[in-house]
Structures are given as structure tokens and as C-alpha cells.
Amino acid sequence: MTGCAPTGFSLYEHARETNLTMKQQVADLQLHIFDGEWTVGEYGDVPNSCGSNGYNFYVQRGTPLDSDWRMSAPSAQDMADELMEWLESRGWTSVTRQAYSTGVSTVTVEAEKRSSYVEDLLVMISSGVENDIVTIRATSTCEDGDRWELRELMFPDNLFEYEVIGREHPSAEPKFGMATPTPGP
């Protein structure tokens, strides 16, 4: 990170673009895997600290545990192979797969898409007896700016009154903070 970090409205607008672009990439992947409501592990609009004076966002989604959802591929390994092709065909880079020893039914796929502010994507695919499970975790790129200032801009009335979302369909319009109206220039 070089140069002067943005502040005020510029900080807010860049963070909003970063956040919403990353969430759209994750939502596209979710829809490809399962067109239904996903469990929200981490919504992804609380800025975290990274670098010497930067922030990033973290998102986690999972297929619902209380359903009998099954992946379309015959095995986690097959789904990982298909998913790798899908990611590569959409401009994701550093796409890798990790399978574990015999008897472990979980396969992971990792990738990045820095042009869309995704520094690290991790998809865990597990086949189960009653249902299959896919968990997606994504971390945005580290962007210049003070996370505390950004947090105050996003949550001016207090982060602790933030509504926690338990489930969300990937096509839902993503939220970005609680500032109403949004900060202006």
C-alpha cells in the first residue's frame, strides 16, 4: 500500500465498491452451487485490520445444514473438479484443489480474483450421509484506509445495534453498513 490513504467520503465509497464487488463474486459462485438460502457465518461488512494501515472484509456462507441438499456431482472430488473449471472460465486465478487422505470426504478449492477485490477464496466441499455441505469463505484484498474511521462511517449509531442476518439468498441486495443516509462528499 502506497500513497495517502483515503478518508471520509472517498474512504467510504471505495470500501463500498470493494465490499459489494467481492460479495457479487461470492454470490455468483453461490448461485452456481445452490440456488437457495445460504446460512450466513460472517456477513462481511465489518472492516478488519490488515497491513500497516488498511482494512479488508471477510465473508462466510454455507449450504443449509437443516436440509437434505445434495450436490449435483457424484462426489466431492468431482464437484471440486467442476468448480475449478467454472472458476477458471470466469477469470479466477491461482485455482488449486486439496484432497485429503482416504476416508476423508472433504475437498477444498482455493482461488483469488484480485480484479474483483477477492484476495482469498476457500470452498470446502463435504459429502455426508444425510446431506452434503459446501462452505465458502472469502477475504477481500487489503485496501488503504483507517478501519476505525471506516467503521464509524458505516455504523454511526453503534455497531452493536447491527441486525444479524442468519440466512440470505445470493440474489438479495447486499447491505453495506447502517449509515442512513450514506455519508456524502
Protein backbone atom coordinates (compact mmCIF):
# COMPACT_ATOMS: atom_id res chain seq x y z
CA MET A 1 0.00 0.00 0.00
CA THR A 2 1.48 3.27 -1.10
CA GLY A 3 0.46 6.91 -1.07
CA CYS A 4 -2.02 8.66 1.12
CA ALA A 5 -4.92 6.61 2.41
CA PRO A 6 -8.39 7.91 1.52
CA THR A 7 -10.53 9.45 4.25
CA GLY A 8 -14.14 10.48 4.71
CA PHE A 9 -16.44 10.06 1.71
CA SER A 10 -13.62 8.70 -0.52
CA LEU A 11 -12.80 6.02 2.06
CA TYR A 12 -16.46 5.07 2.39
CA GLU A 13 -17.11 4.90 -1.37
CA HIS A 14 -14.01 2.82 -2.13
CA ALA A 15 -14.79 0.44 0.74
CA ARG A 16 -18.37 0.11 -0.50
CA GLU A 17 -17.16 -0.71 -4.04
CA THR A 18 -14.64 -3.23 -2.68
CA ASN A 19 -17.22 -4.88 -0.45
CA LEU A 20 -20.06 -5.08 -2.96
CA THR A 21 -17.82 -6.28 -5.81
CA MET A 22 -16.41 -9.07 -3.62
CA LYS A 23 -19.90 -10.05 -2.41
CA GLN A 24 -21.16 -10.20 -6.01
CA GLN A 25 -18.38 -12.62 -6.94
CA VAL A 26 -19.27 -14.81 -3.95
CA ALA A 27 -22.99 -14.60 -4.79
CA ASP A 28 -22.33 -15.72 -8.39
CA LEU A 29 -20.45 -18.73 -7.03
CA GLN A 30 -23.23 -19.47 -4.54
CA LEU A 31 -25.86 -19.43 -7.29
CA HIS A 32 -23.74 -21.76 -9.37
CA ILE A 33 -23.61 -24.25 -6.48
CA PHE A 34 -27.06 -23.89 -4.87
CA ASP A 35 -29.95 -21.57 -5.77
CA GLY A 36 -31.48 -21.25 -2.32
CA GLU A 37 -30.96 -19.51 1.01
CA TRP A 38 -27.49 -19.96 2.44
CA THR A 39 -26.51 -19.82 6.10
CA VAL A 40 -24.56 -16.63 6.85
CA GLY A 41 -21.50 -17.32 9.01
CA GLU A 42 -19.98 -13.86 8.55
CA TYR A 43 -21.95 -11.23 6.65
CA GLY A 44 -18.87 -9.38 5.52
CA ASP A 45 -19.35 -5.68 6.12
CA VAL A 46 -17.40 -5.11 9.32
CA PRO A 47 -13.94 -3.85 8.32
CA ASN A 48 -11.00 -5.80 9.71
CA SER A 49 -7.44 -4.56 10.12
CA CYS A 50 -4.77 -5.60 7.62
CA GLY A 51 -1.36 -4.29 6.61
CA SER A 52 0.08 -1.25 8.34
CA ASN A 53 -2.96 0.99 7.77
CA GLY A 54 -5.54 -0.95 5.86
CA TYR A 55 -8.82 -2.79 6.04
CA ASN A 56 -10.41 -5.83 4.48
CA PHE A 57 -13.69 -7.73 4.67
CA TYR A 58 -14.43 -11.37 5.41
CA VAL A 59 -17.46 -13.32 4.13
CA GLN A 60 -18.62 -16.83 5.03
CA ARG A 61 -21.63 -18.68 3.62
CA GLY A 62 -22.74 -22.31 3.87
CA THR A 63 -25.39 -24.52 2.38
CA PRO A 64 -28.17 -25.04 4.95
CA LEU A 65 -27.43 -27.78 7.47
CA ASP A 66 -31.10 -28.45 8.17
CA SER A 67 -31.93 -29.57 4.64
CA ASP A 68 -31.33 -32.67 2.60
CA TRP A 69 -29.36 -30.74 -0.03
CA ARG A 70 -27.17 -32.83 -2.30
CA MET A 71 -24.52 -31.62 -4.72
CA SER A 72 -25.12 -32.28 -8.39
CA ALA A 73 -21.78 -34.07 -8.84
CA PRO A 74 -21.38 -37.73 -7.81
CA SER A 75 -18.62 -36.93 -5.29
CA ALA A 76 -16.89 -34.02 -3.56
CA GLN A 77 -13.86 -34.65 -5.77
CA ASP A 78 -15.99 -34.42 -8.93
CA MET A 79 -17.65 -31.25 -7.69
CA ALA A 80 -14.23 -29.73 -6.95
CA ASP A 81 -13.06 -30.54 -10.48
CA GLU A 82 -16.19 -28.95 -11.98
CA LEU A 83 -15.89 -25.94 -9.69
CA MET A 84 -12.23 -25.39 -10.65
CA GLU A 85 -13.19 -25.29 -14.35
CA TRP A 86 -16.06 -22.90 -13.59
CA LEU A 87 -13.81 -20.54 -11.61
CA GLU A 88 -11.05 -20.54 -14.24
CA SER A 89 -13.55 -19.84 -17.03
CA ARG A 90 -14.66 -16.73 -15.10
CA GLY A 91 -11.21 -15.21 -14.61
CA TRP A 92 -10.29 -16.59 -11.18
CA THR A 93 -6.58 -17.29 -10.78
CA SER A 94 -4.36 -19.47 -8.57
CA VAL A 95 -7.13 -22.09 -8.58
CA THR A 96 -6.00 -25.15 -6.63
CA ARG A 97 -7.60 -28.19 -5.05
CA GLN A 98 -6.66 -30.08 -1.91
CA ALA A 99 -7.94 -33.59 -1.30
CA TYR A 100 -7.20 -35.40 1.91
CA SER A 101 -6.38 -38.98 2.82
CA THR A 102 -8.65 -41.89 2.04
CA GLY A 103 -11.79 -41.86 4.14
CA VAL A 104 -11.97 -38.05 4.42
CA SER A 105 -14.87 -36.80 2.33
CA THR A 106 -13.89 -33.11 2.32
CA VAL A 107 -12.19 -31.45 -0.64
CA THR A 108 -11.15 -27.79 -0.72
CA VAL A 109 -10.75 -25.42 -3.64
CA GLU A 110 -8.83 -22.17 -3.32
CA ALA A 111 -8.64 -19.23 -5.72
CA GLU A 112 -8.24 -15.47 -5.98
CA LYS A 113 -9.63 -12.72 -8.16
CA ARG A 114 -7.86 -9.53 -7.22
CA SER A 115 -9.51 -7.58 -10.05
CA SER A 116 -12.76 -8.11 -8.10
CA TYR A 117 -11.13 -7.49 -4.71
CA VAL A 118 -11.04 -11.16 -3.68
CA GLU A 119 -7.64 -11.99 -2.22
CA ASP A 120 -8.51 -15.42 -0.90
CA LEU A 121 -11.41 -17.75 -1.69
CA LEU A 122 -11.76 -21.07 0.08
CA VAL A 123 -14.54 -23.51 -0.83
CA MET A 124 -14.93 -26.60 1.36
CA ILE A 125 -16.98 -29.43 -0.15
CA SER A 126 -18.11 -32.31 2.06
CA SER A 127 -20.33 -35.23 1.25
CA GLY A 128 -22.39 -36.57 4.11
CA VAL A 129 -24.83 -39.29 4.99
CA GLU A 130 -27.92 -37.08 5.30
CA ASN A 131 -26.84 -34.03 3.30
CA ASP A 132 -23.85 -32.51 1.55
CA ILE A 133 -22.26 -29.29 2.75
CA VAL A 134 -20.43 -26.52 0.91
CA THR A 135 -18.87 -23.67 2.84
CA ILE A 136 -17.49 -20.59 1.10
CA ARG A 137 -15.06 -18.24 2.81
CA ALA A 138 -13.72 -15.14 1.07
CA THR A 139 -11.38 -12.39 2.22
CA SER A 140 -11.15 -9.15 0.29
CA THR A 141 -7.92 -7.53 -0.74
CA CYS A 142 -6.26 -5.27 1.83
CA GLU A 143 -7.19 -1.68 0.95
CA ASP A 144 -5.66 1.61 2.16
CA GLY A 145 -7.59 3.37 4.89
CA ASP A 146 -8.22 3.50 8.60
CA ARG A 147 -10.62 0.74 9.60
CA TRP A 148 -11.80 2.65 12.68
CA GLU A 149 -12.75 5.70 10.63
CA LEU A 150 -14.47 3.42 8.11
CA ARG A 151 -16.31 1.61 10.90
CA GLU A 152 -17.60 4.93 12.24
CA LEU A 153 -18.76 5.94 8.76
CA MET A 154 -20.51 2.61 8.22
CA PHE A 155 -22.04 2.28 11.69
CA PRO A 156 -22.50 5.83 13.02
CA ASP A 157 -25.11 4.81 15.61
CA ASN A 158 -23.22 1.85 17.05
CA LEU A 159 -22.08 -1.44 15.62
CA PHE A 160 -23.81 -3.37 18.42
CA GLU A 161 -27.27 -2.47 17.13
CA TYR A 162 -26.45 -4.09 13.80
CA GLU A 163 -29.06 -6.62 12.61
CA VAL A 164 -27.53 -10.06 12.26
CA ILE A 165 -28.68 -11.95 9.16
CA GLY A 166 -28.94 -15.71 9.65
CA ARG A 167 -29.82 -16.72 6.09
CA GLU A 168 -29.76 -14.99 2.77
CA HIS A 169 -30.37 -15.87 -0.86
CA PRO A 170 -27.41 -14.94 -3.12
CA SER A 171 -29.67 -12.72 -5.23
CA ALA A 172 -30.57 -10.48 -2.26
CA GLU A 173 -29.18 -6.96 -2.47
CA PRO A 174 -26.20 -6.92 -0.08
CA LYS A 175 -26.07 -4.48 2.79
CA PHE A 176 -23.16 -2.21 3.50
CA GLY A 177 -23.19 -0.78 7.00
CA MET A 178 -26.01 1.11 8.67
CA ALA A 179 -25.37 4.73 7.69
CA THR A 180 -28.69 6.39 6.75
CA PRO A 181 -28.26 8.45 4.76
CA THR A 182 -24.89 7.32 3.46
CA PRO A 183 -22.02 9.73 4.04
CA GLY A 184 -21.71 12.44 1.39
CA PRO A 185 -18.76 14.34 -0.08
